[in-house]
Amino acid sequence: MERVAIFPGSFDPFTIGHESVVRRAIPMFDKIIIMIGYNSNKKSFFPLEKRLGWIDKVFSDEPKVEVRKHEGLTVDFARLVGANYILRGLRTSADFEYERAIAQMNKKLYPQIETMFLLTMPEHTPINSSIVRDIILHGGDASMFIPTGLNMDEFTLNNE
């Protein structure tokens, strides 16, 4: 059986912490699908198409990684793409408690799914998309928190 994992999130924006989790997980799976979850009734900071493009660019060197969007339950997407794993990164103990509850609910909804947790690298622990968005919104230099190869000029403050 092919080992397919999904890495769900809004990735608004995708950070070096996200990239690290995916790159470290690549040897564990045959395919990793980065699933950008979205809600058409909710306004994101960065447009969905930009986020898809940025993540595609980050993993253009990795044939085992693809990026897709999905509106709805993560377990429904897992069924749709034949994924048997959900990949999640953990920064703190608070992340663990939150992610554990979601993983247990996902298991109830879709018994075939297993959630795999990877601890973030210590240097990535304080990095999260909300803080990176705030830095960008206020004109700060967030380049050290964004994957290499993405130009900060692409992170415009308007949602064009």
C-alpha atoms as a PDB file:
ATOM      1  CA  MET A   1       0.000   0.000   0.000  1.00  0.00           C
ATOM      2  CA  GLU A   2       1.279   3.427  -0.935  1.00  0.00           C
ATOM      3  CA  ARG A   3       2.051   5.642   2.079  1.00  0.00           C
ATOM      4  CA  VAL A   4       0.284   8.923   1.330  1.00  0.00           C
ATOM      5  CA  ALA A   5       0.277  11.741   3.871  1.00  0.00           C
ATOM      6  CA  ILE A   6      -1.550  15.014   3.828  1.00  0.00           C
ATOM      7  CA  PHE A   7      -0.150  18.076   5.552  1.00  0.00           C
ATOM      8  CA  PRO A   8      -3.187  20.301   6.101  1.00  0.00           C
ATOM      9  CA  GLY A   9      -3.194  23.966   6.992  1.00  0.00           C
ATOM     10  CA  SER A  10      -4.076  27.444   5.818  1.00  0.00           C
ATOM     11  CA  PHE A  11      -0.387  28.299   5.302  1.00  0.00           C
ATOM     12  CA  ASP A  12      -1.143  32.015   5.345  1.00  0.00           C
ATOM     13  CA  PRO A  13       1.831  32.312   4.770  1.00  0.00           C
ATOM     14  CA  PHE A  14       3.900  29.133   4.464  1.00  0.00           C
ATOM     15  CA  THR A  15       6.937  29.423   6.778  1.00  0.00           C
ATOM     16  CA  ILE A  16      10.344  27.801   7.170  1.00  0.00           C
ATOM     17  CA  GLY A  17       8.827  25.781  10.012  1.00  0.00           C
ATOM     18  CA  HIS A  18       6.253  24.262   7.649  1.00  0.00           C
ATOM     19  CA  GLU A  19       8.934  23.595   5.057  1.00  0.00           C
ATOM     20  CA  SER A  20      11.149  21.869   7.619  1.00  0.00           C
ATOM     21  CA  VAL A  21       8.371  19.514   8.743  1.00  0.00           C
ATOM     22  CA  VAL A  22       7.602  18.488   5.161  1.00  0.00           C
ATOM     23  CA  ARG A  23      11.244  18.018   4.122  1.00  0.00           C
ATOM     24  CA  ARG A  24      11.981  15.908   7.204  1.00  0.00           C
ATOM     25  CA  ALA A  25       8.900  13.755   6.504  1.00  0.00           C
ATOM     26  CA  ILE A  26       9.665  13.064   2.832  1.00  0.00           C
ATOM     27  CA  PRO A  27      11.680   9.873   3.542  1.00  0.00           C
ATOM     28  CA  MET A  28       8.753   8.460   5.554  1.00  0.00           C
ATOM     29  CA  PHE A  29       6.135   8.624   2.799  1.00  0.00           C
ATOM     30  CA  ASP A  30       5.669   7.801  -0.873  1.00  0.00           C
ATOM     31  CA  LYS A  31       3.774  11.056  -1.367  1.00  0.00           C
ATOM     32  CA  ILE A  32       2.984  14.124   0.720  1.00  0.00           C
ATOM     33  CA  ILE A  33       0.094  16.330  -0.332  1.00  0.00           C
ATOM     34  CA  ILE A  34       0.194  19.774   1.212  1.00  0.00           C
ATOM     35  CA  MET A  35      -3.497  20.555   1.557  1.00  0.00           C
ATOM     36  CA  ILE A  36      -4.400  24.207   1.781  1.00  0.00           C
ATOM     37  CA  GLY A  37      -7.696  24.275   3.571  1.00  0.00           C
ATOM     38  CA  TYR A  38      -9.886  27.244   2.822  1.00  0.00           C
ATOM     39  CA  ASN A  39     -13.260  28.626   3.663  1.00  0.00           C
ATOM     40  CA  SER A  40     -14.888  30.647   0.900  1.00  0.00           C
ATOM     41  CA  ASN A  41     -16.742  32.681   3.542  1.00  0.00           C
ATOM     42  CA  LYS A  42     -13.535  33.685   5.322  1.00  0.00           C
ATOM     43  CA  LYS A  43     -11.007  36.277   4.125  1.00  0.00           C
ATOM     44  CA  SER A  44      -7.397  35.152   4.150  1.00  0.00           C
ATOM     45  CA  PHE A  45      -4.458  37.530   4.321  1.00  0.00           C
ATOM     46  CA  PHE A  46      -2.817  36.120   1.191  1.00  0.00           C
ATOM     47  CA  PRO A  47      -4.921  34.885  -1.745  1.00  0.00           C
ATOM     48  CA  LEU A  48      -5.248  31.127  -2.113  1.00  0.00           C
ATOM     49  CA  GLU A  49      -3.652  31.094  -5.577  1.00  0.00           C
ATOM     50  CA  LYS A  50      -0.560  32.915  -4.275  1.00  0.00           C
ATOM     51  CA  ARG A  51      -0.179  30.414  -1.426  1.00  0.00           C
ATOM     52  CA  LEU A  52      -0.510  27.489  -3.860  1.00  0.00           C
ATOM     53  CA  GLY A  53       2.128  29.045  -6.121  1.00  0.00           C
ATOM     54  CA  TRP A  54       4.565  29.766  -3.294  1.00  0.00           C
ATOM     55  CA  ILE A  55       4.401  26.221  -1.936  1.00  0.00           C
ATOM     56  CA  ASP A  56       4.721  24.748  -5.445  1.00  0.00           C
ATOM     57  CA  LYS A  57       7.852  26.854  -5.906  1.00  0.00           C
ATOM     58  CA  VAL A  58       9.346  25.769  -2.564  1.00  0.00           C
ATOM     59  CA  PHE A  59       8.965  22.082  -3.470  1.00  0.00           C
ATOM     60  CA  SER A  60       9.632  22.304  -7.212  1.00  0.00           C
ATOM     61  CA  ASP A  61      12.701  20.106  -6.586  1.00  0.00           C
ATOM     62  CA  GLU A  62      10.705  17.369  -4.838  1.00  0.00           C
ATOM     63  CA  PRO A  63       8.541  15.030  -6.961  1.00  0.00           C
ATOM     64  CA  LYS A  64       7.032  13.359  -3.876  1.00  0.00           C
ATOM     65  CA  VAL A  65       5.348  16.606  -2.777  1.00  0.00           C
ATOM     66  CA  GLU A  66       2.266  18.154  -4.336  1.00  0.00           C
ATOM     67  CA  VAL A  67       0.012  21.020  -3.302  1.00  0.00           C
ATOM     68  CA  ARG A  68      -3.773  21.033  -3.475  1.00  0.00           C
ATOM     69  CA  LYS A  69      -6.648  23.015  -2.051  1.00  0.00           C
ATOM     70  CA  HIS A  70      -9.723  21.718  -0.267  1.00  0.00           C
ATOM     71  CA  GLU A  71     -12.797  23.190   1.321  1.00  0.00           C
ATOM     72  CA  GLY A  72     -14.298  20.910   3.933  1.00  0.00           C
ATOM     73  CA  LEU A  73     -13.176  18.293   6.409  1.00  0.00           C
ATOM     74  CA  THR A  74      -9.580  17.092   6.279  1.00  0.00           C
ATOM     75  CA  VAL A  75     -10.726  13.464   6.564  1.00  0.00           C
ATOM     76  CA  ASP A  76     -12.942  13.905   3.493  1.00  0.00           C
ATOM     77  CA  PHE A  77      -9.901  15.101   1.551  1.00  0.00           C
ATOM     78  CA  ALA A  78      -7.898  12.141   2.910  1.00  0.00           C
ATOM     79  CA  ARG A  79     -10.539   9.730   1.583  1.00  0.00           C
ATOM     80  CA  LEU A  80     -10.626  11.559  -1.767  1.00  0.00           C
ATOM     81  CA  VAL A  81      -6.859  11.285  -2.354  1.00  0.00           C
ATOM     82  CA  GLY A  82      -6.356   7.896  -0.689  1.00  0.00           C
ATOM     83  CA  ALA A  83      -4.244   9.271   2.155  1.00  0.00           C
ATOM     84  CA  ASN A  84      -3.708   7.081   5.167  1.00  0.00           C
ATOM     85  CA  TYR A  85      -1.720   9.606   7.225  1.00  0.00           C
ATOM     86  CA  ILE A  86      -2.099  13.170   8.401  1.00  0.00           C
ATOM     87  CA  LEU A  87       1.196  14.937   9.077  1.00  0.00           C
ATOM     88  CA  ARG A  88       1.325  17.658  11.728  1.00  0.00           C
ATOM     89  CA  GLY A  89       4.120  19.700  13.239  1.00  0.00           C
ATOM     90  CA  LEU A  90       4.241  20.416  16.958  1.00  0.00           C
ATOM     91  CA  ARG A  91       5.940  23.513  18.362  1.00  0.00           C
ATOM     92  CA  THR A  92       4.728  23.502  21.967  1.00  0.00           C
ATOM     93  CA  SER A  93       2.817  21.448  24.503  1.00  0.00           C
ATOM     94  CA  ALA A  94      -0.222  23.639  23.778  1.00  0.00           C
ATOM     95  CA  ASP A  95       0.043  22.582  20.119  1.00  0.00           C
ATOM     96  CA  PHE A  96       0.082  18.951  21.262  1.00  0.00           C
ATOM     97  CA  GLU A  97      -3.129  19.257  23.280  1.00  0.00           C
ATOM     98  CA  TYR A  98      -4.927  20.981  20.417  1.00  0.00           C
ATOM     99  CA  GLU A  99      -3.610  18.578  17.752  1.00  0.00           C
ATOM    100  CA  ARG A 100      -4.279  15.501  19.897  1.00  0.00           C
ATOM    101  CA  ALA A 101      -7.967  16.405  20.161  1.00  0.00           C
ATOM    102  CA  ILE A 102      -8.231  16.934  16.398  1.00  0.00           C
ATOM    103  CA  ALA A 103      -6.363  13.674  15.687  1.00  0.00           C
ATOM    104  CA  GLN A 104      -8.700  11.722  17.942  1.00  0.00           C
ATOM    105  CA  MET A 105     -11.778  13.225  16.284  1.00  0.00           C
ATOM    106  CA  ASN A 106     -10.339  12.509  12.827  1.00  0.00           C
ATOM    107  CA  LYS A 107      -9.741   8.893  13.880  1.00  0.00           C
ATOM    108  CA  LYS A 108     -13.396   8.596  14.935  1.00  0.00           C
ATOM    109  CA  LEU A 109     -14.571  10.093  11.632  1.00  0.00           C
ATOM    110  CA  TYR A 110     -12.154   8.051   9.495  1.00  0.00           C
ATOM    111  CA  PRO A 111     -10.735   5.005  11.345  1.00  0.00           C
ATOM    112  CA  GLN A 112      -8.187   4.266   8.580  1.00  0.00           C
ATOM    113  CA  ILE A 113      -6.321   7.535   9.164  1.00  0.00           C
ATOM    114  CA  GLU A 114      -3.290   7.878  11.434  1.00  0.00           C
ATOM    115  CA  THR A 115      -1.886  11.221  12.530  1.00  0.00           C
ATOM    116  CA  MET A 116       1.890  11.527  12.651  1.00  0.00           C
ATOM    117  CA  PHE A 117       3.445  14.302  14.705  1.00  0.00           C
ATOM    118  CA  LEU A 118       6.891  15.759  14.099  1.00  0.00           C
ATOM    119  CA  LEU A 119       8.441  18.138  16.569  1.00  0.00           C
ATOM    120  CA  THR A 120       9.638  21.359  15.015  1.00  0.00           C
ATOM    121  CA  MET A 121      13.307  22.140  15.056  1.00  0.00           C
ATOM    122  CA  PRO A 122      14.124  24.195  18.185  1.00  0.00           C
ATOM    123  CA  GLU A 123      14.999  27.260  16.115  1.00  0.00           C
ATOM    124  CA  HIS A 124      11.527  27.158  14.486  1.00  0.00           C
ATOM    125  CA  THR A 125       9.530  26.895  17.713  1.00  0.00           C
ATOM    126  CA  PRO A 126       8.577  30.594  17.932  1.00  0.00           C
ATOM    127  CA  ILE A 127       7.655  30.899  14.245  1.00  0.00           C
ATOM    128  CA  ASN A 128       4.006  30.831  13.310  1.00  0.00           C
ATOM    129  CA  SER A 129       2.033  32.243  10.397  1.00  0.00           C
ATOM    130  CA  SER A 130       0.142  34.752  12.552  1.00  0.00           C
ATOM    131  CA  ILE A 131       3.334  36.392  13.771  1.00  0.00           C
ATOM    132  CA  VAL A 132       4.877  36.356  10.285  1.00  0.00           C
ATOM    133  CA  ARG A 133       1.708  37.976   8.869  1.00  0.00           C
ATOM    134  CA  ASP A 134       1.892  40.655  11.566  1.00  0.00           C
ATOM    135  CA  ILE A 135       5.534  41.398  10.719  1.00  0.00           C
ATOM    136  CA  ILE A 136       4.637  41.754   7.027  1.00  0.00           C
ATOM    137  CA  LEU A 137       1.529  43.820   7.766  1.00  0.00           C
ATOM    138  CA  HIS A 138       3.613  46.295   9.739  1.00  0.00           C
ATOM    139  CA  GLY A 139       6.374  46.576   7.134  1.00  0.00           C
ATOM    140  CA  GLY A 140       8.954  44.449   8.945  1.00  0.00           C
ATOM    141  CA  ASP A 141      11.453  42.125   7.310  1.00  0.00           C
ATOM    142  CA  ALA A 142      10.020  38.601   7.571  1.00  0.00           C
ATOM    143  CA  SER A 143      12.467  37.104   5.046  1.00  0.00           C
ATOM    144  CA  MET A 144      14.215  34.996   7.695  1.00  0.00           C
ATOM    145  CA  PHE A 145      10.915  33.197   8.380  1.00  0.00           C
ATOM    146  CA  ILE A 146       9.957  32.531   4.745  1.00  0.00           C
ATOM    147  CA  PRO A 147      11.435  29.627   2.727  1.00  0.00           C
ATOM    148  CA  THR A 148      14.531  30.372   0.661  1.00  0.00           C
ATOM    149  CA  GLY A 149      13.686  31.089  -2.954  1.00  0.00           C
ATOM    150  CA  LEU A 150      10.599  33.129  -2.174  1.00  0.00           C
ATOM    151  CA  ASN A 151      11.117  36.828  -2.701  1.00  0.00           C
ATOM    152  CA  MET A 152       9.706  39.092   0.009  1.00  0.00           C
ATOM    153  CA  ASP A 153       8.513  41.419  -2.772  1.00  0.00           C
ATOM    154  CA  GLU A 154       5.922  38.721  -3.565  1.00  0.00           C
ATOM    155  CA  PHE A 155       4.393  39.204  -0.135  1.00  0.00           C
ATOM    156  CA  THR A 156       2.525  42.375  -0.970  1.00  0.00           C
ATOM    157  CA  LEU A 157       0.079  43.798   1.517  1.00  0.00           C
ATOM    158  CA  ASN A 158      -2.775  43.939  -0.973  1.00  0.00           C
ATOM    159  CA  ASN A 159      -4.639  40.794  -1.895  1.00  0.00           C
ATOM    160  CA  GLU A 160      -4.261  41.087  -5.654  1.00  0.00           C
END
